[in-house]
Amino acid sequence: MPSSSRASSCPPHRVILFAGHMVDAPGRAAPRFPPDRVPEAGRRIAAALAELHAGPGDLGLTQGAAGGDLLFAEAALACAMPVQFLQPFAEAEFIERSVRPVCEGEQWVARYRAVAGRLPAPPQAMPAAPGEDNPYERCNRWLLDTALACGGDRVWLLCLWDGQSGDGAGGTAHMVAEVQRHHGHVIHIDSRRLWQAESP
């Protein structure tokens, strides 16, 4: 799979991967990341990046889905850290599958386009592969391989996650397992604690 041009030309100080829950879709039976918890999640993601002193010498990698991914990208750009979107599908299909279907989907599409317009390079779509694999799981491997190409000790995973296996292969649980298997660093924001936070 292709790797980040930034990674191949000038290795960043650290590569900060992000994986996290999408905002709940309308009618989700068991709420996991409801829209009213988005501001608190954004604050916690920004605080984690501040604690890492993330900045222009680092590189952020994520898919760009509505929810944690876009909150991470917004916070990263706010501290001048370049971000790259690596996606399992062409951008238009990705938006339809992973941005628009959530609660307040059109607002998330607008946020996505605002972030994408500030990226140093356009989002990259994962090359097609033969066989019946899970595209989200394979994209996780692509994100991780791109990060590891910069050196294993440079890789950090920041995740917004409830600690559960989720809705299937290719989710946050899979990324956490893969990073741990490669001896990377994991910073876990427990999304269950968002329910305990007081709204401002």
C-alpha atoms as a PDB file:
ATOM      1  CA  MET A   1       0.000   0.000   0.000  1.00  0.00           C
ATOM      2  CA  PRO A   2       1.204   3.564  -0.574  1.00  0.00           C
ATOM      3  CA  SER A   3       2.571   5.404   2.418  1.00  0.00           C
ATOM      4  CA  SER A   4       2.386   9.034   3.402  1.00  0.00           C
ATOM      5  CA  SER A   5       4.562  11.311   1.253  1.00  0.00           C
ATOM      6  CA  ARG A   6       5.354  13.262   4.396  1.00  0.00           C
ATOM      7  CA  ALA A   7       6.564  10.081   6.101  1.00  0.00           C
ATOM      8  CA  SER A   8       8.774   9.073   3.208  1.00  0.00           C
ATOM      9  CA  SER A   9      10.386  12.492   2.634  1.00  0.00           C
ATOM     10  CA  CYS A  10      10.785  13.847   6.143  1.00  0.00           C
ATOM     11  CA  PRO A  11       9.953  11.544   9.067  1.00  0.00           C
ATOM     12  CA  PRO A  12       7.891  13.367  11.680  1.00  0.00           C
ATOM     13  CA  HIS A  13       8.879  13.511  15.334  1.00  0.00           C
ATOM     14  CA  ARG A  14       5.837  11.374  16.141  1.00  0.00           C
ATOM     15  CA  VAL A  15       2.945   9.901  14.221  1.00  0.00           C
ATOM     16  CA  ILE A  16      -0.286  10.218  16.162  1.00  0.00           C
ATOM     17  CA  LEU A  17      -2.934   7.826  14.902  1.00  0.00           C
ATOM     18  CA  PHE A  18      -6.513   8.433  15.883  1.00  0.00           C
ATOM     19  CA  ALA A  19      -9.296   5.885  16.097  1.00  0.00           C
ATOM     20  CA  GLY A  20     -12.617   6.489  17.739  1.00  0.00           C
ATOM     21  CA  HIS A  21     -16.352   6.114  17.665  1.00  0.00           C
ATOM     22  CA  MET A  22     -18.522   7.734  15.063  1.00  0.00           C
ATOM     23  CA  VAL A  23     -21.371   9.847  16.335  1.00  0.00           C
ATOM     24  CA  ASP A  24     -24.472   7.696  16.749  1.00  0.00           C
ATOM     25  CA  ALA A  25     -26.728   7.243  13.748  1.00  0.00           C
ATOM     26  CA  PRO A  26     -30.381   8.264  14.153  1.00  0.00           C
ATOM     27  CA  GLY A  27     -32.350   5.565  15.928  1.00  0.00           C
ATOM     28  CA  ARG A  28     -29.353   3.681  17.322  1.00  0.00           C
ATOM     29  CA  ALA A  29     -30.799   1.235  19.867  1.00  0.00           C
ATOM     30  CA  ALA A  30     -28.053   1.556  22.475  1.00  0.00           C
ATOM     31  CA  PRO A  31     -26.522   5.065  22.562  1.00  0.00           C
ATOM     32  CA  ARG A  32     -22.732   5.030  22.417  1.00  0.00           C
ATOM     33  CA  PHE A  33     -21.681   8.498  21.237  1.00  0.00           C
ATOM     34  CA  PRO A  34     -24.771  10.750  21.201  1.00  0.00           C
ATOM     35  CA  PRO A  35     -24.511  14.219  19.678  1.00  0.00           C
ATOM     36  CA  ASP A  36     -24.749  16.030  23.022  1.00  0.00           C
ATOM     37  CA  ARG A  37     -21.449  14.465  24.093  1.00  0.00           C
ATOM     38  CA  VAL A  38     -19.529  15.830  21.095  1.00  0.00           C
ATOM     39  CA  PRO A  39     -18.301  19.058  22.761  1.00  0.00           C
ATOM     40  CA  GLU A  40     -16.904  17.195  25.769  1.00  0.00           C
ATOM     41  CA  ALA A  41     -15.216  14.647  23.509  1.00  0.00           C
ATOM     42  CA  GLY A  42     -13.641  17.470  21.532  1.00  0.00           C
ATOM     43  CA  ARG A  43     -12.298  19.053  24.706  1.00  0.00           C
ATOM     44  CA  ARG A  44     -10.754  15.785  25.870  1.00  0.00           C
ATOM     45  CA  ILE A  45      -9.123  15.098  22.523  1.00  0.00           C
ATOM     46  CA  ALA A  46      -7.674  18.619  22.432  1.00  0.00           C
ATOM     47  CA  ALA A  47      -6.411  18.207  26.001  1.00  0.00           C
ATOM     48  CA  ALA A  48      -4.691  14.923  25.117  1.00  0.00           C
ATOM     49  CA  LEU A  49      -2.889  16.576  22.199  1.00  0.00           C
ATOM     50  CA  ALA A  50      -1.885  19.480  24.419  1.00  0.00           C
ATOM     51  CA  GLU A  51      -0.451  17.053  26.980  1.00  0.00           C
ATOM     52  CA  LEU A  52       1.606  15.463  24.206  1.00  0.00           C
ATOM     53  CA  HIS A  53       2.756  18.933  23.086  1.00  0.00           C
ATOM     54  CA  ALA A  54       1.655  17.983  19.567  1.00  0.00           C
ATOM     55  CA  GLY A  55       2.655  20.455  16.912  1.00  0.00           C
ATOM     56  CA  PRO A  56       4.082  21.097  13.459  1.00  0.00           C
ATOM     57  CA  GLY A  57       6.803  18.452  13.805  1.00  0.00           C
ATOM     58  CA  ASP A  58       4.276  15.655  14.281  1.00  0.00           C
ATOM     59  CA  LEU A  59       1.866  13.986  11.846  1.00  0.00           C
ATOM     60  CA  GLY A  60      -1.742  13.001  12.493  1.00  0.00           C
ATOM     61  CA  LEU A  61      -3.331  10.070  10.676  1.00  0.00           C
ATOM     62  CA  THR A  62      -6.998   9.107  10.680  1.00  0.00           C
ATOM     63  CA  GLN A  63      -9.821   8.242   8.312  1.00  0.00           C
ATOM     64  CA  GLY A  64     -11.947  11.363   8.807  1.00  0.00           C
ATOM     65  CA  ALA A  65     -15.273   9.855   9.878  1.00  0.00           C
ATOM     66  CA  ALA A  66     -17.972  11.913  11.599  1.00  0.00           C
ATOM     67  CA  GLY A  67     -17.270  11.965  15.316  1.00  0.00           C
ATOM     68  CA  GLY A  68     -13.918  11.279  16.933  1.00  0.00           C
ATOM     69  CA  ASP A  69     -11.895  11.359  13.709  1.00  0.00           C
ATOM     70  CA  LEU A  70     -13.026  14.836  12.748  1.00  0.00           C
ATOM     71  CA  LEU A  71     -12.751  16.137  16.318  1.00  0.00           C
ATOM     72  CA  PHE A  72      -9.160  14.912  16.322  1.00  0.00           C
ATOM     73  CA  ALA A  73      -8.420  16.521  12.965  1.00  0.00           C
ATOM     74  CA  GLU A  74      -9.887  19.842  14.082  1.00  0.00           C
ATOM     75  CA  ALA A  75      -7.854  19.799  17.305  1.00  0.00           C
ATOM     76  CA  ALA A  76      -4.678  18.773  15.465  1.00  0.00           C
ATOM     77  CA  LEU A  77      -4.999  21.560  12.924  1.00  0.00           C
ATOM     78  CA  ALA A  78      -5.617  24.017  15.765  1.00  0.00           C
ATOM     79  CA  CYS A  79      -2.161  23.197  17.138  1.00  0.00           C
ATOM     80  CA  ALA A  80      -0.590  23.368  13.652  1.00  0.00           C
ATOM     81  CA  MET A  81      -0.068  19.606  13.392  1.00  0.00           C
ATOM     82  CA  PRO A  82      -0.431  18.372   9.800  1.00  0.00           C
ATOM     83  CA  VAL A  83      -3.070  15.700   9.296  1.00  0.00           C
ATOM     84  CA  GLN A  84      -3.521  13.111   6.570  1.00  0.00           C
ATOM     85  CA  PHE A  85      -6.756  11.256   5.817  1.00  0.00           C
ATOM     86  CA  LEU A  86      -6.350   7.639   4.657  1.00  0.00           C
ATOM     87  CA  GLN A  87      -9.731   6.199   3.718  1.00  0.00           C
ATOM     88  CA  PRO A  88     -11.117   2.771   2.794  1.00  0.00           C
ATOM     89  CA  PHE A  89     -13.067   4.156  -0.187  1.00  0.00           C
ATOM     90  CA  ALA A  90     -12.953   7.012  -2.649  1.00  0.00           C
ATOM     91  CA  GLU A  91     -13.831  10.242  -0.859  1.00  0.00           C
ATOM     92  CA  ALA A  92     -17.400  10.587  -2.143  1.00  0.00           C
ATOM     93  CA  GLU A  93     -18.258   7.037  -1.063  1.00  0.00           C
ATOM     94  CA  PHE A  94     -16.517   7.528   2.270  1.00  0.00           C
ATOM     95  CA  ILE A  95     -18.644  10.607   2.983  1.00  0.00           C
ATOM     96  CA  GLU A  96     -21.806   8.663   2.213  1.00  0.00           C
ATOM     97  CA  ARG A  97     -20.803   5.732   4.413  1.00  0.00           C
ATOM     98  CA  SER A  98     -18.927   7.343   7.295  1.00  0.00           C
ATOM     99  CA  VAL A  99     -19.917  11.017   7.535  1.00  0.00           C
ATOM    100  CA  ARG A 100     -23.462  11.707   6.356  1.00  0.00           C
ATOM    101  CA  PRO A 101     -25.361   8.778   8.022  1.00  0.00           C
ATOM    102  CA  VAL A 102     -24.930  10.051  11.606  1.00  0.00           C
ATOM    103  CA  CYS A 103     -27.159  12.352  13.628  1.00  0.00           C
ATOM    104  CA  GLU A 104     -26.913  15.907  12.252  1.00  0.00           C
ATOM    105  CA  GLY A 105     -25.181  14.385   9.257  1.00  0.00           C
ATOM    106  CA  GLU A 106     -25.221  17.461   7.027  1.00  0.00           C
ATOM    107  CA  GLN A 107     -23.446  19.471   9.728  1.00  0.00           C
ATOM    108  CA  TRP A 108     -20.780  16.785   9.880  1.00  0.00           C
ATOM    109  CA  VAL A 109     -20.397  16.850   6.110  1.00  0.00           C
ATOM    110  CA  ALA A 110     -19.774  20.595   6.351  1.00  0.00           C
ATOM    111  CA  ARG A 111     -17.201  20.048   9.101  1.00  0.00           C
ATOM    112  CA  TYR A 112     -15.551  17.344   7.033  1.00  0.00           C
ATOM    113  CA  ARG A 113     -15.247  19.611   4.014  1.00  0.00           C
ATOM    114  CA  ALA A 114     -13.868  22.441   6.150  1.00  0.00           C
ATOM    115  CA  VAL A 115     -11.166  20.149   7.558  1.00  0.00           C
ATOM    116  CA  ALA A 116     -10.374  18.514   4.214  1.00  0.00           C
ATOM    117  CA  GLY A 117      -9.851  21.940   2.708  1.00  0.00           C
ATOM    118  CA  ARG A 118      -7.085  22.637   5.234  1.00  0.00           C
ATOM    119  CA  LEU A 119      -5.180  19.364   4.839  1.00  0.00           C
ATOM    120  CA  PRO A 120      -1.692  19.576   3.314  1.00  0.00           C
ATOM    121  CA  ALA A 121      -2.670  16.818   0.843  1.00  0.00           C
ATOM    122  CA  PRO A 122      -6.029  15.503  -0.395  1.00  0.00           C
ATOM    123  CA  PRO A 123      -7.504  12.422   1.298  1.00  0.00           C
ATOM    124  CA  GLN A 124      -6.082   9.169  -0.069  1.00  0.00           C
ATOM    125  CA  ALA A 125      -8.284   6.212  -0.934  1.00  0.00           C
ATOM    126  CA  MET A 126      -7.060   2.717  -0.184  1.00  0.00           C
ATOM    127  CA  PRO A 127      -6.212   0.736  -3.318  1.00  0.00           C
ATOM    128  CA  ALA A 128      -8.618  -2.037  -4.185  1.00  0.00           C
ATOM    129  CA  ALA A 129      -7.561  -5.584  -3.305  1.00  0.00           C
ATOM    130  CA  PRO A 130      -8.823  -8.960  -4.474  1.00  0.00           C
ATOM    131  CA  GLY A 131     -10.721 -11.147  -2.080  1.00  0.00           C
ATOM    132  CA  GLU A 132     -13.525 -10.652   0.422  1.00  0.00           C
ATOM    133  CA  ASP A 133     -11.771  -8.714   3.180  1.00  0.00           C
ATOM    134  CA  ASN A 134     -13.180  -6.051   5.499  1.00  0.00           C
ATOM    135  CA  PRO A 135     -12.269  -2.640   4.019  1.00  0.00           C
ATOM    136  CA  TYR A 136     -12.319  -0.863   7.387  1.00  0.00           C
ATOM    137  CA  GLU A 137     -10.020  -3.442   8.944  1.00  0.00           C
ATOM    138  CA  ARG A 138      -7.673  -3.261   5.979  1.00  0.00           C
ATOM    139  CA  CYS A 139      -7.672   0.541   6.209  1.00  0.00           C
ATOM    140  CA  ASN A 140      -6.678   0.260   9.867  1.00  0.00           C
ATOM    141  CA  ARG A 141      -3.716  -1.837   8.774  1.00  0.00           C
ATOM    142  CA  TRP A 142      -2.872   0.758   6.134  1.00  0.00           C
ATOM    143  CA  LEU A 143      -2.955   3.553   8.713  1.00  0.00           C
ATOM    144  CA  LEU A 144      -0.800   1.540  11.077  1.00  0.00           C
ATOM    145  CA  ASP A 145       1.673   0.472   8.384  1.00  0.00           C
ATOM    146  CA  THR A 146       2.009   4.089   7.279  1.00  0.00           C
ATOM    147  CA  ALA A 147       2.737   5.112  10.856  1.00  0.00           C
ATOM    148  CA  LEU A 148       5.168   2.249  11.485  1.00  0.00           C
ATOM    149  CA  ALA A 149       7.111   3.200   8.363  1.00  0.00           C
ATOM    150  CA  CYS A 150       8.281   6.212  10.368  1.00  0.00           C
ATOM    151  CA  GLY A 151       9.643   3.964  13.140  1.00  0.00           C
ATOM    152  CA  GLY A 152       7.761   2.008  15.791  1.00  0.00           C
ATOM    153  CA  ASP A 153       8.939   4.187  18.658  1.00  0.00           C
ATOM    154  CA  ARG A 154       7.383   7.224  16.978  1.00  0.00           C
ATOM    155  CA  VAL A 155       3.848   5.779  16.882  1.00  0.00           C
ATOM    156  CA  TRP A 156       1.118   6.848  19.291  1.00  0.00           C
ATOM    157  CA  LEU A 157      -2.544   5.878  19.138  1.00  0.00           C
ATOM    158  CA  LEU A 158      -5.066   8.292  20.603  1.00  0.00           C
ATOM    159  CA  CYS A 159      -8.456   6.632  20.821  1.00  0.00           C
ATOM    160  CA  LEU A 160     -11.939   7.607  21.939  1.00  0.00           C
ATOM    161  CA  TRP A 161     -13.343   4.239  22.861  1.00  0.00           C
ATOM    162  CA  ASP A 162     -15.744   2.532  25.249  1.00  0.00           C
ATOM    163  CA  GLY A 163     -13.491  -0.510  25.642  1.00  0.00           C
ATOM    164  CA  GLN A 164     -15.946  -2.792  23.870  1.00  0.00           C
ATOM    165  CA  SER A 165     -15.557  -4.788  20.672  1.00  0.00           C
ATOM    166  CA  GLY A 166     -17.994  -2.468  18.888  1.00  0.00           C
ATOM    167  CA  ASP A 167     -20.121  -3.114  15.841  1.00  0.00           C
ATOM    168  CA  GLY A 168     -17.821  -5.427  13.912  1.00  0.00           C
ATOM    169  CA  ALA A 169     -14.360  -5.882  12.477  1.00  0.00           C
ATOM    170  CA  GLY A 170     -12.373  -2.811  11.573  1.00  0.00           C
ATOM    171  CA  GLY A 171     -13.428  -0.638  14.496  1.00  0.00           C
ATOM    172  CA  THR A 172     -11.496   0.990  17.296  1.00  0.00           C
ATOM    173  CA  ALA A 173     -10.981  -2.289  19.153  1.00  0.00           C
ATOM    174  CA  HIS A 174      -9.152  -3.702  16.152  1.00  0.00           C
ATOM    175  CA  MET A 175      -6.857  -0.673  15.889  1.00  0.00           C
ATOM    176  CA  VAL A 176      -6.029  -0.780  19.605  1.00  0.00           C
ATOM    177  CA  ALA A 177      -5.160  -4.465  19.345  1.00  0.00           C
ATOM    178  CA  GLU A 178      -2.956  -3.870  16.306  1.00  0.00           C
ATOM    179  CA  VAL A 179      -1.036  -0.991  17.899  1.00  0.00           C
ATOM    180  CA  GLN A 180      -0.480  -2.982  21.092  1.00  0.00           C
ATOM    181  CA  ARG A 181       0.695  -5.951  19.033  1.00  0.00           C
ATOM    182  CA  HIS A 182       3.338  -3.698  17.454  1.00  0.00           C
ATOM    183  CA  HIS A 183       4.371  -2.275  20.857  1.00  0.00           C
ATOM    184  CA  GLY A 184       3.083   1.209  20.111  1.00  0.00           C
ATOM    185  CA  HIS A 185       1.859   3.730  22.674  1.00  0.00           C
ATOM    186  CA  VAL A 186      -1.883   3.952  23.404  1.00  0.00           C
ATOM    187  CA  ILE A 187      -3.724   6.888  24.979  1.00  0.00           C
ATOM    188  CA  HIS A 188      -7.280   5.833  25.775  1.00  0.00           C
ATOM    189  CA  ILE A 189     -10.039   8.383  26.296  1.00  0.00           C
ATOM    190  CA  ASP A 190     -12.822   6.279  27.797  1.00  0.00           C
ATOM    191  CA  SER A 191     -15.969   7.399  26.013  1.00  0.00           C
ATOM    192  CA  ARG A 192     -18.128   5.984  28.816  1.00  0.00           C
ATOM    193  CA  ARG A 193     -16.888   8.799  31.028  1.00  0.00           C
ATOM    194  CA  LEU A 194     -18.335  11.354  28.638  1.00  0.00           C
ATOM    195  CA  TRP A 195     -21.707  10.438  30.112  1.00  0.00           C
ATOM    196  CA  GLN A 196     -20.427  11.494  33.537  1.00  0.00           C
ATOM    197  CA  ALA A 197     -19.182  14.901  32.390  1.00  0.00           C
ATOM    198  CA  GLU A 198     -21.216  17.970  33.084  1.00  0.00           C
ATOM    199  CA  SER A 199     -22.176  20.037  30.089  1.00  0.00           C
ATOM    200  CA  PRO A 200     -20.877  23.626  30.226  1.00  0.00           C
END
